[in-house]
Amino acid sequence: MIENQKIRPAQVIGPLGEPLTIESLPSPSTTRWVVRRKAEVVAAVNGGLLTVDEVCDRYSLTLEEFASWQRAVDRSGMPGLRVTRIQHYKSLYERQQKY
């Protein structure tokens, strides 16, 4: 059984360069998702600290919602997570795809 278990890191590097652990992630009861918190959760998944399923269960997120955070970080970095800038980055990305 041990060979089937994946070894997880004790910490990963967060979006601002700080170490992230499971204890330092946003609280599971978080309802106000600011850019930094979203980016921390994405970094935790990208670094292997948590799986996508664990994040969705822990924070009551849909797979689509979390995937949109990941896409935003991949395309535009942390600024892409700002709710007020979603339309700007979306149109910018669509223009880049045309050319």
PDB file of N, CA and C in Angstrom:
ATOM      1  N   MET A   1       0.805  -1.202   0.000  1.00  0.00           N
ATOM      2  CA  MET A   1       0.000   0.000   0.000  1.00  0.00           C
ATOM      3  C   MET A   1       0.848   1.267   0.000  1.00  0.00           C
ATOM      4  N   ILE A   2       1.979   1.239   0.648  1.00  0.00           N
ATOM      5  CA  ILE A   2       2.789   2.445   0.763  1.00  0.00           C
ATOM      6  C   ILE A   2       3.225   2.947  -0.605  1.00  0.00           C
ATOM      7  N   GLU A   3       3.518   2.046  -1.531  1.00  0.00           N
ATOM      8  CA  GLU A   3       3.962   2.488  -2.847  1.00  0.00           C
ATOM      9  C   GLU A   3       2.865   3.208  -3.619  1.00  0.00           C
ATOM     10  N   ASN A   4       1.590   3.003  -3.255  1.00  0.00           N
ATOM     11  CA  ASN A   4       0.483   3.677  -3.925  1.00  0.00           C
ATOM     12  C   ASN A   4       0.235   5.078  -3.375  1.00  0.00           C
ATOM     13  N   GLN A   5       0.786   5.386  -2.225  1.00  0.00           N
ATOM     14  CA  GLN A   5       0.572   6.698  -1.629  1.00  0.00           C
ATOM     15  C   GLN A   5       1.570   7.692  -2.206  1.00  0.00           C
ATOM     16  N   LYS A   6       1.074   8.843  -2.580  1.00  0.00           N
ATOM     17  CA  LYS A   6       1.961   9.874  -3.102  1.00  0.00           C
ATOM     18  C   LYS A   6       2.563  10.647  -1.936  1.00  0.00           C
ATOM     19  N   ILE A   7       3.816  10.950  -2.062  1.00  0.00           N
ATOM     20  CA  ILE A   7       4.482  11.747  -1.043  1.00  0.00           C
ATOM     21  C   ILE A   7       4.195  13.215  -1.334  1.00  0.00           C
ATOM     22  N   ARG A   8       3.673  13.885  -0.330  1.00  0.00           N
ATOM     23  CA  ARG A   8       3.339  15.301  -0.486  1.00  0.00           C
ATOM     24  C   ARG A   8       4.388  16.149   0.213  1.00  0.00           C
ATOM     25  N   PRO A   9       4.650  17.307  -0.359  1.00  0.00           N
ATOM     26  CA  PRO A   9       5.589  18.202   0.311  1.00  0.00           C
ATOM     27  C   PRO A   9       4.962  18.777   1.582  1.00  0.00           C
ATOM     28  N   ALA A  10       5.797  19.107   2.552  1.00  0.00           N
ATOM     29  CA  ALA A  10       5.307  19.731   3.784  1.00  0.00           C
ATOM     30  C   ALA A  10       4.940  21.184   3.534  1.00  0.00           C
ATOM     31  N   GLN A  11       5.600  21.782   2.553  1.00  0.00           N
ATOM     32  CA  GLN A  11       5.299  23.172   2.192  1.00  0.00           C
ATOM     33  C   GLN A  11       5.637  23.403   0.733  1.00  0.00           C
ATOM     34  N   VAL A  12       5.010  24.417   0.167  1.00  0.00           N
ATOM     35  CA  VAL A  12       5.280  24.844  -1.211  1.00  0.00           C
ATOM     36  C   VAL A  12       5.515  26.345  -1.192  1.00  0.00           C
ATOM     37  N   ILE A  13       6.009  26.859  -2.276  1.00  0.00           N
ATOM     38  CA  ILE A  13       6.232  28.299  -2.382  1.00  0.00           C
ATOM     39  C   ILE A  13       4.937  28.960  -2.835  1.00  0.00           C
ATOM     40  N   GLY A  14       4.489  29.955  -2.088  1.00  0.00           N
ATOM     41  CA  GLY A  14       3.257  30.660  -2.393  1.00  0.00           C
ATOM     42  C   GLY A  14       3.438  31.686  -3.492  1.00  0.00           C
ATOM     43  N   PRO A  15       2.374  32.356  -3.860  1.00  0.00           N
ATOM     44  CA  PRO A  15       2.416  33.307  -4.972  1.00  0.00           C
ATOM     45  C   PRO A  15       3.286  34.531  -4.700  1.00  0.00           C
ATOM     46  N   LEU A  16       3.524  34.836  -3.439  1.00  0.00           N
ATOM     47  CA  LEU A  16       4.356  35.989  -3.088  1.00  0.00           C
ATOM     48  C   LEU A  16       5.744  35.557  -2.635  1.00  0.00           C
ATOM     49  N   GLY A  17       6.078  34.270  -2.827  1.00  0.00           N
ATOM     50  CA  GLY A  17       7.390  33.766  -2.478  1.00  0.00           C
ATOM     51  C   GLY A  17       7.517  33.243  -1.060  1.00  0.00           C
ATOM     52  N   GLU A  18       6.444  33.275  -0.304  1.00  0.00           N
ATOM     53  CA  GLU A  18       6.467  32.801   1.081  1.00  0.00           C
ATOM     54  C   GLU A  18       6.137  31.309   1.113  1.00  0.00           C
ATOM     55  N   PRO A  19       6.619  30.588   2.132  1.00  0.00           N
ATOM     56  CA  PRO A  19       6.277  29.169   2.233  1.00  0.00           C
ATOM     57  C   PRO A  19       4.810  28.994   2.636  1.00  0.00           C
ATOM     58  N   LEU A  20       4.141  28.060   1.982  1.00  0.00           N
ATOM     59  CA  LEU A  20       2.748  27.742   2.293  1.00  0.00           C
ATOM     60  C   LEU A  20       2.679  26.326   2.845  1.00  0.00           C
ATOM     61  N   THR A  21       1.964  26.160   3.935  1.00  0.00           N
ATOM     62  CA  THR A  21       1.676  24.837   4.485  1.00  0.00           C
ATOM     63  C   THR A  21       0.163  24.693   4.526  1.00  0.00           C
ATOM     64  N   ILE A  22      -0.302  23.509   4.818  1.00  0.00           N
ATOM     65  CA  ILE A  22      -1.753  23.315   4.913  1.00  0.00           C
ATOM     66  C   ILE A  22      -2.331  24.225   5.994  1.00  0.00           C
ATOM     67  N   GLU A  23      -1.585  24.416   7.087  1.00  0.00           N
ATOM     68  CA  GLU A  23      -2.063  25.260   8.183  1.00  0.00           C
ATOM     69  C   GLU A  23      -2.118  26.747   7.782  1.00  0.00           C
ATOM     70  N   SER A  24      -1.258  27.161   6.867  1.00  0.00           N
ATOM     71  CA  SER A  24      -1.233  28.578   6.493  1.00  0.00           C
ATOM     72  C   SER A  24      -2.157  28.912   5.328  1.00  0.00           C
ATOM     73  N   LEU A  25      -2.808  27.895   4.757  1.00  0.00           N
ATOM     74  CA  LEU A  25      -3.773  28.150   3.690  1.00  0.00           C
ATOM     75  C   LEU A  25      -5.001  28.857   4.256  1.00  0.00           C
ATOM     76  N   PRO A  26      -5.785  29.484   3.397  1.00  0.00           N
ATOM     77  CA  PRO A  26      -7.011  30.118   3.893  1.00  0.00           C
ATOM     78  C   PRO A  26      -7.891  29.124   4.644  1.00  0.00           C
ATOM     79  N   SER A  27      -8.631  29.639   5.596  1.00  0.00           N
ATOM     80  CA  SER A  27      -9.536  28.813   6.401  1.00  0.00           C
ATOM     81  C   SER A  27     -10.582  28.141   5.504  1.00  0.00           C
ATOM     82  N   PRO A  28     -10.973  26.910   5.829  1.00  0.00           N
ATOM     83  CA  PRO A  28     -12.030  26.247   5.056  1.00  0.00           C
ATOM     84  C   PRO A  28     -13.366  27.004   5.079  1.00  0.00           C
ATOM     85  N   SER A  29     -13.546  27.884   6.046  1.00  0.00           N
ATOM     86  CA  SER A  29     -14.795  28.650   6.122  1.00  0.00           C
ATOM     87  C   SER A  29     -14.721  29.973   5.366  1.00  0.00           C
ATOM     88  N   THR A  30     -13.680  30.166   4.575  1.00  0.00           N
ATOM     89  CA  THR A  30     -13.506  31.410   3.826  1.00  0.00           C
ATOM     90  C   THR A  30     -14.663  31.620   2.862  1.00  0.00           C
ATOM     91  N   THR A  31     -15.228  32.815   2.903  1.00  0.00           N
ATOM     92  CA  THR A  31     -16.299  33.166   1.960  1.00  0.00           C
ATOM     93  C   THR A  31     -15.909  34.364   1.099  1.00  0.00           C
ATOM     94  N   ARG A  32     -14.967  35.148   1.564  1.00  0.00           N
ATOM     95  CA  ARG A  32     -14.511  36.321   0.804  1.00  0.00           C
ATOM     96  C   ARG A  32     -13.171  35.978   0.157  1.00  0.00           C
ATOM     97  N   TRP A  33     -13.211  35.780  -1.147  1.00  0.00           N
ATOM     98  CA  TRP A  33     -12.035  35.321  -1.871  1.00  0.00           C
ATOM     99  C   TRP A  33     -11.312  36.485  -2.526  1.00  0.00           C
ATOM    100  N   VAL A  34     -10.308  36.983  -1.855  1.00  0.00           N
ATOM    101  CA  VAL A  34      -9.470  38.035  -2.431  1.00  0.00           C
ATOM    102  C   VAL A  34      -8.400  37.366  -3.296  1.00  0.00           C
ATOM    103  N   VAL A  35      -7.727  38.161  -4.110  1.00  0.00           N
ATOM    104  CA  VAL A  35      -6.744  37.655  -5.057  1.00  0.00           C
ATOM    105  C   VAL A  35      -5.683  36.800  -4.375  1.00  0.00           C
ATOM    106  N   ARG A  36      -5.134  37.266  -3.267  1.00  0.00           N
ATOM    107  CA  ARG A  36      -4.065  36.547  -2.591  1.00  0.00           C
ATOM    108  C   ARG A  36      -4.520  35.161  -2.158  1.00  0.00           C
ATOM    109  N   ARG A  37      -5.718  35.051  -1.596  1.00  0.00           N
ATOM    110  CA  ARG A  37      -6.216  33.750  -1.134  1.00  0.00           C
ATOM    111  C   ARG A  37      -6.421  32.781  -2.304  1.00  0.00           C
ATOM    112  N   LYS A  38      -6.996  33.284  -3.391  1.00  0.00           N
ATOM    113  CA  LYS A  38      -7.182  32.444  -4.573  1.00  0.00           C
ATOM    114  C   LYS A  38      -5.826  31.950  -5.077  1.00  0.00           C
ATOM    115  N   ALA A  39      -4.864  32.856  -5.152  1.00  0.00           N
ATOM    116  CA  ALA A  39      -3.533  32.507  -5.653  1.00  0.00           C
ATOM    117  C   ALA A  39      -2.851  31.490  -4.739  1.00  0.00           C
ATOM    118  N   GLU A  40      -3.056  31.599  -3.436  1.00  0.00           N
ATOM    119  CA  GLU A  40      -2.474  30.632  -2.502  1.00  0.00           C
ATOM    120  C   GLU A  40      -3.046  29.239  -2.728  1.00  0.00           C
ATOM    121  N   VAL A  41      -4.337  29.161  -2.948  1.00  0.00           N
ATOM    122  CA  VAL A  41      -4.970  27.864  -3.173  1.00  0.00           C
ATOM    123  C   VAL A  41      -4.484  27.257  -4.491  1.00  0.00           C
ATOM    124  N   VAL A  42      -4.371  28.066  -5.528  1.00  0.00           N
ATOM    125  CA  VAL A  42      -3.857  27.580  -6.811  1.00  0.00           C
ATOM    126  C   VAL A  42      -2.414  27.101  -6.647  1.00  0.00           C
ATOM    127  N   ALA A  43      -1.594  27.862  -5.922  1.00  0.00           N
ATOM    128  CA  ALA A  43      -0.199  27.467  -5.693  1.00  0.00           C
ATOM    129  C   ALA A  43      -0.122  26.162  -4.908  1.00  0.00           C
ATOM    130  N   ALA A  44      -1.026  25.961  -3.965  1.00  0.00           N
ATOM    131  CA  ALA A  44      -1.038  24.728  -3.174  1.00  0.00           C
ATOM    132  C   ALA A  44      -1.307  23.523  -4.063  1.00  0.00           C
ATOM    133  N   VAL A  45      -2.232  23.666  -4.996  1.00  0.00           N
ATOM    134  CA  VAL A  45      -2.530  22.562  -5.911  1.00  0.00           C
ATOM    135  C   VAL A  45      -1.372  22.362  -6.883  1.00  0.00           C
ATOM    136  N   ASN A  46      -0.861  23.436  -7.448  1.00  0.00           N
ATOM    137  CA  ASN A  46       0.244  23.324  -8.408  1.00  0.00           C
ATOM    138  C   ASN A  46       1.494  22.721  -7.772  1.00  0.00           C
ATOM    139  N   GLY A  47       1.697  22.986  -6.501  1.00  0.00           N
ATOM    140  CA  GLY A  47       2.856  22.456  -5.798  1.00  0.00           C
ATOM    141  C   GLY A  47       2.651  21.073  -5.208  1.00  0.00           C
ATOM    142  N   GLY A  48       1.428  20.549  -5.269  1.00  0.00           N
ATOM    143  CA  GLY A  48       1.163  19.208  -4.768  1.00  0.00           C
ATOM    144  C   GLY A  48       0.788  19.134  -3.300  1.00  0.00           C
ATOM    145  N   LEU A  49       0.563  20.279  -2.676  1.00  0.00           N
ATOM    146  CA  LEU A  49       0.176  20.296  -1.268  1.00  0.00           C
ATOM    147  C   LEU A  49      -1.226  19.706  -1.077  1.00  0.00           C
ATOM    148  N   LEU A  50      -2.128  20.024  -1.995  1.00  0.00           N
ATOM    149  CA  LEU A  50      -3.488  19.496  -2.007  1.00  0.00           C
ATOM    150  C   LEU A  50      -3.847  19.099  -3.435  1.00  0.00           C
ATOM    151  N   THR A  51      -4.822  18.212  -3.565  1.00  0.00           N
ATOM    152  CA  THR A  51      -5.328  17.860  -4.894  1.00  0.00           C
ATOM    153  C   THR A  51      -6.495  18.784  -5.229  1.00  0.00           C
ATOM    154  N   VAL A  52      -6.883  18.792  -6.482  1.00  0.00           N
ATOM    155  CA  VAL A  52      -8.028  19.603  -6.904  1.00  0.00           C
ATOM    156  C   VAL A  52      -9.284  19.163  -6.160  1.00  0.00           C
ATOM    157  N   ASP A  53      -9.480  17.860  -6.032  1.00  0.00           N
ATOM    158  CA  ASP A  53     -10.660  17.356  -5.321  1.00  0.00           C
ATOM    159  C   ASP A  53     -10.669  17.801  -3.862  1.00  0.00           C
ATOM    160  N   GLU A  54      -9.500  17.757  -3.221  1.00  0.00           N
ATOM    161  CA  GLU A  54      -9.413  18.181  -1.824  1.00  0.00           C
ATOM    162  C   GLU A  54      -9.733  19.666  -1.683  1.00  0.00           C
ATOM    163  N   VAL A  55      -9.248  20.470  -2.607  1.00  0.00           N
ATOM    164  CA  VAL A  55      -9.518  21.911  -2.566  1.00  0.00           C
ATOM    165  C   VAL A  55     -11.004  22.176  -2.760  1.00  0.00           C
ATOM    166  N   CYS A  56     -11.608  21.505  -3.734  1.00  0.00           N
ATOM    167  CA  CYS A  56     -13.039  21.715  -3.981  1.00  0.00           C
ATOM    168  C   CYS A  56     -13.877  21.306  -2.773  1.00  0.00           C
ATOM    169  N   ASP A  57     -13.523  20.195  -2.134  1.00  0.00           N
ATOM    170  CA  ASP A  57     -14.244  19.761  -0.928  1.00  0.00           C
ATOM    171  C   ASP A  57     -13.989  20.713   0.234  1.00  0.00           C
ATOM    172  N   ARG A  58     -12.730  21.072   0.447  1.00  0.00           N
ATOM    173  CA  ARG A  58     -12.345  21.914   1.590  1.00  0.00           C
ATOM    174  C   ARG A  58     -13.002  23.293   1.536  1.00  0.00           C
ATOM    175  N   TYR A  59     -13.071  23.872   0.336  1.00  0.00           N
ATOM    176  CA  TYR A  59     -13.574  25.242   0.204  1.00  0.00           C
ATOM    177  C   TYR A  59     -14.956  25.331  -0.445  1.00  0.00           C
ATOM    178  N   SER A  60     -15.602  24.209  -0.665  1.00  0.00           N
ATOM    179  CA  SER A  60     -16.927  24.164  -1.307  1.00  0.00           C
ATOM    180  C   SER A  60     -16.921  24.901  -2.642  1.00  0.00           C
ATOM    181  N   LEU A  61     -15.924  24.600  -3.448  1.00  0.00           N
ATOM    182  CA  LEU A  61     -15.809  25.186  -4.778  1.00  0.00           C
ATOM    183  C   LEU A  61     -16.248  24.164  -5.811  1.00  0.00           C
ATOM    184  N   THR A  62     -16.719  24.654  -6.946  1.00  0.00           N
ATOM    185  CA  THR A  62     -16.973  23.749  -8.056  1.00  0.00           C
ATOM    186  C   THR A  62     -15.660  23.563  -8.813  1.00  0.00           C
ATOM    187  N   LEU A  63     -15.570  22.493  -9.546  1.00  0.00           N
ATOM    188  CA  LEU A  63     -14.387  22.238 -10.354  1.00  0.00           C
ATOM    189  C   LEU A  63     -14.190  23.368 -11.367  1.00  0.00           C
ATOM    190  N   GLU A  64     -15.285  23.853 -11.937  1.00  0.00           N
ATOM    191  CA  GLU A  64     -15.208  24.934 -12.921  1.00  0.00           C
ATOM    192  C   GLU A  64     -14.675  26.223 -12.307  1.00  0.00           C
ATOM    193  N   GLU A  65     -15.105  26.512 -11.078  1.00  0.00           N
ATOM    194  CA  GLU A  65     -14.644  27.725 -10.410  1.00  0.00           C
ATOM    195  C   GLU A  65     -13.141  27.665 -10.145  1.00  0.00           C
ATOM    196  N   PHE A  66     -12.685  26.532  -9.617  1.00  0.00           N
ATOM    197  CA  PHE A  66     -11.258  26.405  -9.371  1.00  0.00           C
ATOM    198  C   PHE A  66     -10.468  26.429 -10.677  1.00  0.00           C
ATOM    199  N   ALA A  67     -10.970  25.752 -11.697  1.00  0.00           N
ATOM    200  CA  ALA A  67     -10.284  25.741 -12.997  1.00  0.00           C
ATOM    201  C   ALA A  67     -10.174  27.148 -13.569  1.00  0.00           C
ATOM    202  N   SER A  68     -11.187  27.983 -13.335  1.00  0.00           N
ATOM    203  CA  SER A  68     -11.116  29.366 -13.825  1.00  0.00           C
ATOM    204  C   SER A  68     -10.021  30.135 -13.097  1.00  0.00           C
ATOM    205  N   TRP A  69      -9.810  29.859 -11.813  1.00  0.00           N
ATOM    206  CA  TRP A  69      -8.718  30.496 -11.067  1.00  0.00           C
ATOM    207  C   TRP A  69      -7.379  30.065 -11.649  1.00  0.00           C
ATOM    208  N   GLN A  70      -7.243  28.766 -11.929  1.00  0.00           N
ATOM    209  CA  GLN A  70      -5.985  28.260 -12.487  1.00  0.00           C
ATOM    210  C   GLN A  70      -5.704  28.883 -13.851  1.00  0.00           C
ATOM    211  N   ARG A  71      -6.726  28.960 -14.693  1.00  0.00           N
ATOM    212  CA  ARG A  71      -6.545  29.569 -16.018  1.00  0.00           C
ATOM    213  C   ARG A  71      -6.145  31.028 -15.890  1.00  0.00           C
ATOM    214  N   ALA A  72      -6.783  31.737 -14.966  1.00  0.00           N
ATOM    215  CA  ALA A  72      -6.475  33.159 -14.781  1.00  0.00           C
ATOM    216  C   ALA A  72      -5.027  33.351 -14.353  1.00  0.00           C
ATOM    217  N   VAL A  73      -4.545  32.508 -13.447  1.00  0.00           N
ATOM    218  CA  VAL A  73      -3.154  32.602 -12.995  1.00  0.00           C
ATOM    219  C   VAL A  73      -2.210  32.245 -14.136  1.00  0.00           C
ATOM    220  N   ASP A  74      -2.526  31.204 -14.887  1.00  0.00           N
ATOM    221  CA  ASP A  74      -1.673  30.792 -15.999  1.00  0.00           C
ATOM    222  C   ASP A  74      -1.581  31.872 -17.074  1.00  0.00           C
ATOM    223  N   ARG A  75      -2.686  32.523 -17.350  1.00  0.00           N
ATOM    224  CA  ARG A  75      -2.724  33.515 -18.423  1.00  0.00           C
ATOM    225  C   ARG A  75      -2.180  34.871 -18.010  1.00  0.00           C
ATOM    226  N   SER A  76      -2.567  35.328 -16.814  1.00  0.00           N
ATOM    227  CA  SER A  76      -2.287  36.723 -16.438  1.00  0.00           C
ATOM    228  C   SER A  76      -1.638  36.888 -15.083  1.00  0.00           C
ATOM    229  N   GLY A  77      -1.314  35.804 -14.399  1.00  0.00           N
ATOM    230  CA  GLY A  77      -0.743  35.909 -13.067  1.00  0.00           C
ATOM    231  C   GLY A  77      -1.796  36.344 -12.062  1.00  0.00           C
ATOM    232  N   MET A  78      -1.346  36.818 -10.938  1.00  0.00           N
ATOM    233  CA  MET A  78      -2.273  37.219  -9.878  1.00  0.00           C
ATOM    234  C   MET A  78      -3.247  38.308 -10.311  1.00  0.00           C
ATOM    235  N   PRO A  79      -2.841  39.301 -11.108  1.00  0.00           N
ATOM    236  CA  PRO A  79      -3.819  40.318 -11.514  1.00  0.00           C
ATOM    237  C   PRO A  79      -5.027  39.743 -12.263  1.00  0.00           C
ATOM    238  N   GLY A  80      -4.837  38.601 -12.916  1.00  0.00           N
ATOM    239  CA  GLY A  80      -5.943  37.975 -13.635  1.00  0.00           C
ATOM    240  C   GLY A  80      -7.041  37.454 -12.726  1.00  0.00           C
ATOM    241  N   LEU A  81      -6.753  37.323 -11.433  1.00  0.00           N
ATOM    242  CA  LEU A  81      -7.742  36.837 -10.469  1.00  0.00           C
ATOM    243  C   LEU A  81      -8.666  37.941  -9.966  1.00  0.00           C
ATOM    244  N   ARG A  82      -8.336  39.179 -10.286  1.00  0.00           N
ATOM    245  CA  ARG A  82      -9.192  40.277  -9.824  1.00  0.00           C
ATOM    246  C   ARG A  82     -10.522  40.231 -10.548  1.00  0.00           C
ATOM    247  N   VAL A  83     -11.593  40.186  -9.800  1.00  0.00           N
ATOM    248  CA  VAL A  83     -12.930  40.091 -10.376  1.00  0.00           C
ATOM    249  C   VAL A  83     -13.224  41.286 -11.268  1.00  0.00           C
ATOM    250  N   THR A  84     -12.758  42.451 -10.880  1.00  0.00           N
ATOM    251  CA  THR A  84     -13.044  43.650 -11.663  1.00  0.00           C
ATOM    252  C   THR A  84     -12.267  43.693 -12.970  1.00  0.00           C
ATOM    253  N   ARG A  85     -11.266  42.844 -13.136  1.00  0.00           N
ATOM    254  CA  ARG A  85     -10.446  42.854 -14.344  1.00  0.00           C
ATOM    255  C   ARG A  85     -10.672  41.631 -15.231  1.00  0.00           C
ATOM    256  N   ILE A  86     -11.587  40.756 -14.865  1.00  0.00           N
ATOM    257  CA  ILE A  86     -11.802  39.529 -15.625  1.00  0.00           C
ATOM    258  C   ILE A  86     -12.104  39.838 -17.090  1.00  0.00           C
ATOM    259  N   GLN A  87     -13.002  40.772 -17.346  1.00  0.00           N
ATOM    260  CA  GLN A  87     -13.385  41.078 -18.719  1.00  0.00           C
ATOM    261  C   GLN A  87     -12.202  41.633 -19.509  1.00  0.00           C
ATOM    262  N   HIS A  88     -11.384  42.477 -18.876  1.00  0.00           N
ATOM    263  CA  HIS A  88     -10.209  43.037 -19.550  1.00  0.00           C
ATOM    264  C   HIS A  88      -9.251  41.920 -19.967  1.00  0.00           C
ATOM    265  N   TYR A  89      -8.918  41.037 -19.042  1.00  0.00           N
ATOM    266  CA  TYR A  89      -7.970  39.970 -19.348  1.00  0.00           C
ATOM    267  C   TYR A  89      -8.562  38.968 -20.324  1.00  0.00           C
ATOM    268  N   LYS A  90      -9.868  38.748 -20.246  1.00  0.00           N
ATOM    269  CA  LYS A  90     -10.513  37.831 -21.182  1.00  0.00           C
ATOM    270  C   LYS A  90     -10.403  38.362 -22.601  1.00  0.00           C
ATOM    271  N   SER A  91     -10.709  39.640 -22.810  1.00  0.00           N
ATOM    272  CA  SER A  91     -10.616  40.211 -24.157  1.00  0.00           C
ATOM    273  C   SER A  91      -9.167  40.274 -24.628  1.00  0.00           C
ATOM    274  N   LEU A  92      -8.241  40.563 -23.737  1.00  0.00           N
ATOM    275  CA  LEU A  92      -6.826  40.582 -24.088  1.00  0.00           C
ATOM    276  C   LEU A  92      -6.370  39.204 -24.547  1.00  0.00           C
ATOM    277  N   TYR A  93      -6.764  38.174 -23.822  1.00  0.00           N
ATOM    278  CA  TYR A  93      -6.386  36.802 -24.182  1.00  0.00           C
ATOM    279  C   TYR A  93      -7.003  36.412 -25.518  1.00  0.00           C
ATOM    280  N   GLU A  94      -8.267  36.772 -25.742  1.00  0.00           N
ATOM    281  CA  GLU A  94      -8.929  36.436 -27.003  1.00  0.00           C
ATOM    282  C   GLU A  94      -8.240  37.124 -28.174  1.00  0.00           C
ATOM    283  N   ARG A  95      -7.794  38.366 -27.995  1.00  0.00           N
ATOM    284  CA  ARG A  95      -7.060  39.064 -29.063  1.00  0.00           C
ATOM    285  C   ARG A  95      -5.739  38.370 -29.351  1.00  0.00           C
ATOM    286  N   GLN A  96      -5.061  37.900 -28.312  1.00  0.00           N
ATOM    287  CA  GLN A  96      -3.790  37.208 -28.513  1.00  0.00           C
ATOM    288  C   GLN A  96      -3.989  35.901 -29.267  1.00  0.00           C
ATOM    289  N   GLN A  97      -5.113  35.238 -29.066  1.00  0.00           N
ATOM    290  CA  GLN A  97      -5.384  33.983 -29.751  1.00  0.00           C
ATOM    291  C   GLN A  97      -5.638  34.190 -31.243  1.00  0.00           C
ATOM    292  N   LYS A  98      -6.135  35.368 -31.623  1.00  0.00           N
ATOM    293  CA  LYS A  98      -6.447  35.646 -33.032  1.00  0.00           C
ATOM    294  C   LYS A  98      -5.183  35.832 -33.858  1.00  0.00           C
ATOM    295  N   TYR A  99      -4.134  36.339 -33.241  1.00  0.00           N
ATOM    296  CA  TYR A  99      -2.929  36.698 -34.009  1.00  0.00           C
ATOM    297  C   TYR A  99      -1.800  35.767 -33.785  1.00  0.00           C
TER     298      TYR A  99
END
